[in-house]
Amino acid sequence: MALTALFTGATGLQTFSMALDVVGNNLANLNTTGYKTQRTSFRDLVYQTLNPGSAPSGGLGGANPAQVGFGVGVGSIDSLFRQGTITPTGRSLDAAIQGSGFFVLNNGTSQVFTRNGSFAVDAQGFLVDPNTGYRVQRTGTVGEGSATTPGFQVPGVTNIKVPFGAGAAGIPTSTVQFQGNLSADLPVGQSVTTAIQVYDSQSNPHSLNLTFTTTAVNTFDVSATINGVTQTIASPTVTFDTSGLLVGPASLAMTVSGLTGTGAQTINLNLGTPGQATGLTQFGGASTATAVTQDGSGFGTLVDVSIDQAGDIVGQFSNGRTIPLAQLAIAGFNNEGGLLRTGSNYFVTSPASGEAIIGPAGAGGRGTVQGSALEGSNVDIATEFAQLIIAQRGFQVNAQTVTAANETLQQLANIIR
């Protein structure tokens, strides 16, 4: 039996040594982005049955079985996918997942999954993991373009492109907003002029000049020129009531002409809400009527991006436009604990995990995405130190078992002498 104790103690040494390895790996990855801690579970091994036990019979009670065990082994090394702390980084290409799910990457032949959202753009404009060059994958049709929106992704290709410096057409002006006062003290025939820059269908800027001329009490006619060319305004008369508030119209439709190489364009001149002082008014005092805003823009280039909760990568262009470039693919699993680790913060599928269920963030049980942030390791130092002490003591007592068994065998050898 002393020989058996040697082997039993040896299984304890091996098992607690592996537990120390797991704890050491957890502590080593304390600052690894997106790292998920591991936990060792033990199982007992085979047993020798000395007495199978017996049932009560006659005047005798039953006897319990007698068995001797032969050691311990590693039952499983589980990955614990509890949430790590999400920390803002201020870097626009960083992303973290709040909840379940993994970012999807591809090396051209196979997919891997990761919680590490520290991404970068390579020389070809692809969004990649800069540590390996694996390309980040997208889902859906976001960024493939439409009749009015430029497309930055190739249909059917799931690699994400973030083409910094790429251009986006401007938006032709459709509305000009006015605000301010047309002085009630202006004599008939006097005018107030304002100007604003507007854009045509080819993103060219033009100077729009508008003139409000008094034609009668509480009445003004509106005229406009673009690049010195007189424009047509339907029903250009504007009236105010005796309290100085706008009677109407709320807006004027101006048909643009004389712009070389562009198509027909209508610009609505928004004068305000009748009966309210939200737009143009006619009070005594100075004239301050101004064209304050317009909704057009010129040509722009991609200068920055942001990532929203749905995983949409939104491009920010120098002309003020924001255009969705792509949507990050997020993978979920029926059994994420069954994933295999391959290093580099990557997981791959196994028969235990099942196939990835890929889709947008925030749907199908997948978590949401937080942009400009990273998820830290979920290693708990206090827990790991406690496990370290337990594993160390377990190794120590099993070593003592081996020592005791060895001393017993030595005593047996001495009897023979």
Foldseek 3Di string as FASTA:
>chain_A
DLVLLLQQLVQLLVALVVLLVLLVVLVVQQFPFQAFHKHWDKDFDDKDWPACKADDDDPRHIGHTDIDTRHMHTPDIWTDNDFFDKDFQQAFQAKAFDFDWFWWWAPPPDIWTFRGRPWDADPVQWIADVVPRTFTFFDDCAQCDDPQWDHDDDPPDGTFGDDFFDKTFKFFWAEWAKAWEDEQPDDAFDKDKEWDWTAAPRQDIWIKMKIWGHHDRQKTFIWIDTPNHTWDKPPRMWGADPVFFTQDDQWIWIWDDDDPPGDTGIHIYGQHDGPDNPGYTYYHDDTDMYRDDTDIWGMWGFDGWHAFFQQFTWTATPRGDIGTNGHTKIWGWPCPRQWDDDDPRITDHDPVGDDTDIDTAPPPRHGTMDGSITGGYPRDVVVSVVSSVVSVVSSVVSVVSSVVSVVVVVVVVVVVD
